């Protein structure tokens, strides 16, 4: 069982029981107590559980529900997201300045950044910043603001102003929906304003999206498809859908 799935199950058990011991979790998942401690430490750093001697207890019920939602979303289409994240590494030259938007696919992408490349990474996503901070070759710049615990990203006017002042070689932007008619869309209205700023501040725009987001429209458009240089998606995208987007002038790369 991969770590993300195990942590999701740990959260579910804590939500159900209120507290749980490390030794019990180790037996349930057939891993060492040290592995469980690392899982609990990770969840604790996210503010999702509270570590106590010998185990962990839940925070408020609302926080656990947010945590469960966040991790469930990260687990959806996980294999496709991993493949897309790996493929996107081919488009990053050494000594680049890149912006990484929030989102579960972009989190997978961040995990595969080449540790040998000298990169300047800009983000407003707390989970992505944590990943990037573990490599000394990756300089990290982070926008602060109001934390959205559901997405683990900062938003607000501070983030928009921050992105208005930066210059990046490549933006890796996420979208909840992709449509030929409506372009890139997202339901988070606060996010769409600074997504526009990120696009204006970047010389190249790459969207990372799994196949189920195509022909999907959410509440607000933040960019037409003409603003996107490349969309990287997985091979499960139906051929007829890919053909329509290519005919519309979209550069689609299959991972």
Protein backbone atom coordinates (compact mmCIF):
# COMPACT_ATOMS: atom_id res chain seq x y z
CA UNK A 1 0.00 0.00 0.00
CA UNK A 2 1.41 3.39 -0.98
CA UNK A 3 1.88 6.02 1.71
CA UNK A 4 -0.93 8.34 0.55
CA UNK A 5 -3.50 5.53 0.65
CA UNK A 6 -2.30 4.35 4.06
CA UNK A 7 -2.54 7.87 5.48
CA UNK A 8 -6.05 8.20 4.13
CA UNK A 9 -7.02 4.99 5.91
CA UNK A 10 -5.36 6.17 9.13
CA UNK A 11 -7.43 9.35 8.99
CA UNK A 12 -10.59 7.34 8.41
CA UNK A 13 -9.86 5.17 11.45
CA UNK A 14 -9.12 8.18 13.65
CA UNK A 15 -12.34 9.84 12.47
CA UNK A 16 -14.26 6.69 13.36
CA UNK A 17 -12.61 5.85 16.70
CA UNK A 18 -11.41 9.24 17.92
CA UNK A 19 -7.97 7.88 18.81
CA UNK A 20 -5.74 4.97 17.90
CA UNK A 21 -2.44 3.43 18.98
CA UNK A 22 0.65 3.15 16.79
CA UNK A 23 1.04 -0.55 17.59
CA UNK A 24 -2.50 -1.27 16.37
CA UNK A 25 -1.93 0.62 13.12
CA UNK A 26 1.34 -1.21 12.53
CA UNK A 27 -0.43 -4.56 12.76
CA UNK A 28 -3.36 -3.42 10.61
CA UNK A 29 -1.14 -2.23 7.76
CA UNK A 30 1.67 -4.75 8.25
CA UNK A 31 4.35 -2.06 8.53
CA UNK A 32 6.79 -1.06 11.24
CA UNK A 33 5.90 1.26 14.09
CA UNK A 34 8.50 3.69 12.71
CA UNK A 35 6.59 3.88 9.41
CA UNK A 36 3.36 4.62 11.28
CA UNK A 37 5.11 7.31 13.34
CA UNK A 38 6.25 8.99 10.12
CA UNK A 39 2.68 8.84 8.79
CA UNK A 40 1.32 10.39 11.98
CA UNK A 41 4.05 13.04 11.98
CA UNK A 42 3.09 13.93 8.40
CA UNK A 43 -0.61 14.21 9.27
CA UNK A 44 0.24 16.19 12.40
CA UNK A 45 2.31 18.71 10.41
CA UNK A 46 -0.72 19.22 8.18
CA UNK A 47 -2.80 20.00 11.28
CA UNK A 48 -5.02 16.99 10.65
CA UNK A 49 -4.36 14.88 13.76
CA UNK A 50 -2.69 15.38 17.11
CA UNK A 51 0.15 13.08 18.08
CA UNK A 52 0.11 11.77 21.65
CA UNK A 53 2.27 9.26 23.49
CA UNK A 54 1.88 5.91 21.77
CA UNK A 55 -0.61 7.04 19.15
CA UNK A 56 -2.75 9.84 17.74
CA UNK A 57 -6.08 11.50 18.42
CA UNK A 58 -8.39 13.47 16.17
CA UNK A 59 -8.58 17.22 16.04
CA UNK A 60 -12.06 18.69 15.56
CA UNK A 61 -14.51 16.73 13.45
CA UNK A 62 -14.53 19.49 10.85
CA UNK A 63 -10.77 19.34 10.41
CA UNK A 64 -10.86 15.58 9.95
CA UNK A 65 -13.57 15.90 7.30
CA UNK A 66 -11.44 18.44 5.45
CA UNK A 67 -8.41 16.20 5.75
CA UNK A 68 -10.26 13.17 4.47
CA UNK A 69 -11.60 15.15 1.51
CA UNK A 70 -8.12 16.46 0.67
CA UNK A 71 -6.48 13.03 0.73
CA UNK A 72 -9.34 11.35 -1.13
CA UNK A 73 -8.98 13.88 -3.93
CA UNK A 74 -5.24 13.24 -4.02
CA UNK A 75 -5.90 9.52 -4.44
CA UNK A 76 -8.29 9.88 -7.40
CA UNK A 77 -6.68 8.78 -10.68
CA UNK A 78 -3.39 8.44 -8.79
CA UNK A 79 -1.68 6.26 -11.43
CA UNK A 80 -2.53 8.72 -14.20
CA UNK A 81 -1.28 11.64 -12.11
CA UNK A 82 2.00 9.89 -11.39
CA UNK A 83 2.57 9.18 -15.09
CA UNK A 84 1.76 12.78 -16.03
CA UNK A 85 4.06 14.11 -13.31
CA UNK A 86 6.96 12.03 -14.60
CA UNK A 87 6.38 13.00 -18.24
CA UNK A 88 6.33 16.71 -17.40
CA UNK A 89 9.94 16.53 -16.18
CA UNK A 90 11.05 16.38 -19.83
CA UNK A 91 9.99 20.00 -20.30
CA UNK A 92 12.14 21.56 -17.56
CA UNK A 93 15.59 22.82 -18.62
CA UNK A 94 18.29 23.21 -16.00
CA UNK A 95 18.49 26.65 -14.34
CA UNK A 96 14.80 27.35 -14.96
CA UNK A 97 12.39 29.42 -12.92
CA UNK A 98 9.10 27.56 -12.69
CA UNK A 99 5.74 28.24 -11.06
CA UNK A 100 3.88 25.22 -9.71
CA UNK A 101 0.17 25.75 -9.17
CA UNK A 102 -1.72 23.84 -6.49
CA UNK A 103 -3.54 20.58 -7.16
CA UNK A 104 -3.00 16.88 -6.69
CA UNK A 105 -1.48 16.29 -10.14
CA UNK A 106 0.99 19.11 -9.55
CA UNK A 107 1.89 17.57 -6.19
CA UNK A 108 2.81 14.35 -8.00
CA UNK A 109 4.79 16.43 -10.50
CA UNK A 110 6.71 18.17 -7.70
CA UNK A 111 7.76 14.83 -6.22
CA UNK A 112 9.58 13.94 -9.45
CA UNK A 113 11.58 17.16 -9.87
CA UNK A 114 15.15 16.26 -10.78
CA UNK A 115 17.21 16.80 -7.60
CA UNK A 116 20.32 17.45 -9.72
CA UNK A 117 18.81 20.38 -11.61
CA UNK A 118 19.24 23.91 -10.32
CA UNK A 119 15.71 25.27 -10.21
CA UNK A 120 13.94 28.26 -8.76
CA UNK A 121 10.47 27.07 -7.78
CA UNK A 122 7.61 29.45 -7.04
CA UNK A 123 4.37 28.24 -5.49
CA UNK A 124 1.46 29.16 -3.23
CA UNK A 125 0.71 25.54 -2.31
CA UNK A 126 1.79 24.47 1.16
CA UNK A 127 2.08 20.77 0.34
CA UNK A 128 4.18 21.47 -2.76
CA UNK A 129 6.43 23.89 -0.88
CA UNK A 130 7.12 21.17 1.68
CA UNK A 131 8.19 18.75 -1.06
CA UNK A 132 10.43 21.30 -2.79
CA UNK A 133 12.04 22.40 0.49
CA UNK A 134 13.70 19.00 0.87
CA UNK A 135 16.13 19.61 -2.01
CA UNK A 136 18.99 22.09 -1.63
CA UNK A 137 19.31 22.58 -5.41
CA UNK A 138 15.77 23.92 -5.61
CA UNK A 139 15.42 27.50 -4.46
CA UNK A 140 11.92 28.02 -3.07
CA UNK A 141 9.83 31.19 -3.24
CA UNK A 142 6.40 31.03 -1.66
CA UNK A 143 3.39 33.31 -1.81
CA UNK A 144 1.50 33.74 1.45
CA UNK A 145 -2.07 34.71 2.13
CA UNK A 146 -5.18 33.04 3.53
CA UNK A 147 -4.83 29.25 3.75
CA UNK A 148 -7.55 27.16 2.11
CA UNK A 149 -7.30 23.93 4.11
CA UNK A 150 -9.37 22.02 1.58
CA UNK A 151 -6.77 22.59 -1.16
CA UNK A 152 -3.72 23.35 1.04
CA UNK A 153 -3.11 26.52 -0.97
CA UNK A 154 -2.86 30.18 -0.02
CA UNK A 155 -5.16 32.63 -1.77
CA UNK A 156 -6.22 36.25 -1.61
CA UNK A 157 -5.00 39.58 -2.93
CA UNK A 158 -1.52 38.97 -1.47
CA UNK A 159 -1.05 35.97 -3.76
CA UNK A 160 -2.27 37.85 -6.82
CA UNK A 161 0.07 40.78 -6.09
CA UNK A 162 2.96 38.37 -5.57
CA UNK A 163 2.49 36.74 -8.97
CA UNK A 164 2.12 40.11 -10.68
CA UNK A 165 5.72 40.86 -9.70
CA UNK A 166 7.48 37.61 -10.67
CA UNK A 167 8.88 36.40 -13.99
CA UNK A 168 8.94 32.69 -14.74
CA UNK A 169 10.13 30.51 -17.59
CA UNK A 170 7.38 27.91 -17.21
CA UNK A 171 4.06 27.74 -15.39
CA UNK A 172 2.61 24.34 -14.54
CA UNK A 173 -1.02 25.25 -14.02
CA UNK A 174 -3.89 23.07 -12.86
CA UNK A 175 -7.53 23.21 -13.95
CA UNK A 176 -10.69 21.52 -12.75
CA UNK A 177 -12.12 21.51 -16.26
CA UNK A 178 -10.87 21.81 -19.85
CA UNK A 179 -13.18 22.77 -22.70
CA UNK A 180 -12.63 23.92 -26.28
CA UNK A 181 -15.36 26.52 -25.89
CA UNK A 182 -14.75 27.67 -22.29
CA UNK A 183 -11.00 27.03 -21.93
CA UNK A 184 -9.51 26.30 -18.51
CA UNK A 185 -12.02 26.53 -15.67
CA UNK A 186 -11.98 26.29 -11.89
CA UNK A 187 -14.73 26.51 -9.24
CA UNK A 188 -12.55 28.41 -6.73
CA UNK A 189 -13.24 32.05 -7.57
CA UNK A 190 -10.44 33.37 -5.37
CA UNK A 191 -7.97 31.12 -7.18
CA UNK A 192 -8.93 32.11 -10.72
CA UNK A 193 -7.81 35.72 -10.25
CA UNK A 194 -4.23 34.84 -9.41
CA UNK A 195 -4.15 32.02 -11.97
CA UNK A 196 -4.55 34.79 -14.55
CA UNK A 197 -1.61 36.61 -12.96
CA UNK A 198 0.52 33.45 -13.06
CA UNK A 199 -0.17 33.04 -16.77
CA UNK A 200 0.76 36.66 -17.54
CA UNK A 201 4.03 36.25 -15.60
CA UNK A 202 5.16 33.10 -17.46
CA UNK A 203 6.81 32.68 -20.85
CA UNK A 204 5.42 29.16 -21.31
CA UNK A 205 2.23 27.64 -19.87
CA UNK A 206 1.83 23.89 -19.41
CA UNK A 207 -1.35 22.33 -18.04
CA UNK A 208 -1.16 18.97 -16.26
CA UNK A 209 -4.53 17.21 -16.31
CA UNK A 210 -5.76 13.63 -16.36
CA UNK A 211 -8.21 12.51 -19.04
CA UNK A 212 -11.43 12.92 -17.04
CA UNK A 213 -11.06 16.74 -16.96
CA UNK A 214 -11.55 17.10 -20.71
CA UNK A 215 -14.94 18.41 -21.87
CA UNK A 216 -15.65 19.39 -18.28
CA UNK A 217 -16.68 22.97 -17.41
CA UNK A 218 -16.75 24.42 -13.90
CA UNK A 219 -18.01 27.79 -12.70
CA UNK A 220 -15.32 30.24 -13.89
CA UNK A 221 -12.97 30.49 -16.86
CA UNK A 222 -9.48 31.75 -16.07
CA UNK A 223 -7.79 31.22 -19.46
CA UNK A 224 -8.67 30.36 -23.06
CA UNK A 225 -6.90 27.36 -24.55
CA UNK A 226 -4.91 29.74 -26.75
CA UNK A 227 -3.06 30.83 -23.59
CA UNK A 228 -1.78 27.27 -23.06
CA UNK A 229 1.31 26.01 -24.89
CA UNK A 230 1.02 22.33 -23.92
CA UNK A 231 -1.46 20.07 -22.16
CA UNK A 232 0.07 16.90 -20.75
CA UNK A 233 -2.45 14.15 -20.06
CA UNK A 234 -2.59 10.37 -19.79
CA UNK A 235 -3.10 7.81 -22.56
CA UNK A 236 -6.67 7.05 -21.44
CA UNK A 237 -7.86 10.20 -23.21
CA UNK A 238 -10.23 8.89 -25.91
CA UNK A 239 -8.76 9.27 -29.44
CA UNK A 240 -11.80 11.18 -30.71
CA UNK A 241 -11.49 13.69 -27.86
CA UNK A 242 -7.78 14.14 -28.53
CA UNK A 243 -8.50 14.64 -32.25
CA UNK A 244 -11.04 17.40 -31.57
CA UNK A 245 -8.62 19.32 -29.36
CA UNK A 246 -5.74 18.95 -31.81
CA UNK A 247 -7.99 20.22 -34.62
CA UNK A 248 -8.78 23.20 -32.37
CA UNK A 249 -5.05 24.00 -32.24
CA UNK A 250 -4.25 22.50 -28.83
CA UNK A 251 -0.84 20.86 -28.36
CA UNK A 252 -1.59 17.65 -26.45
CA UNK A 253 1.20 15.42 -25.15
CA UNK A 254 0.32 11.91 -23.97
CA UNK A 255 2.24 10.52 -21.01
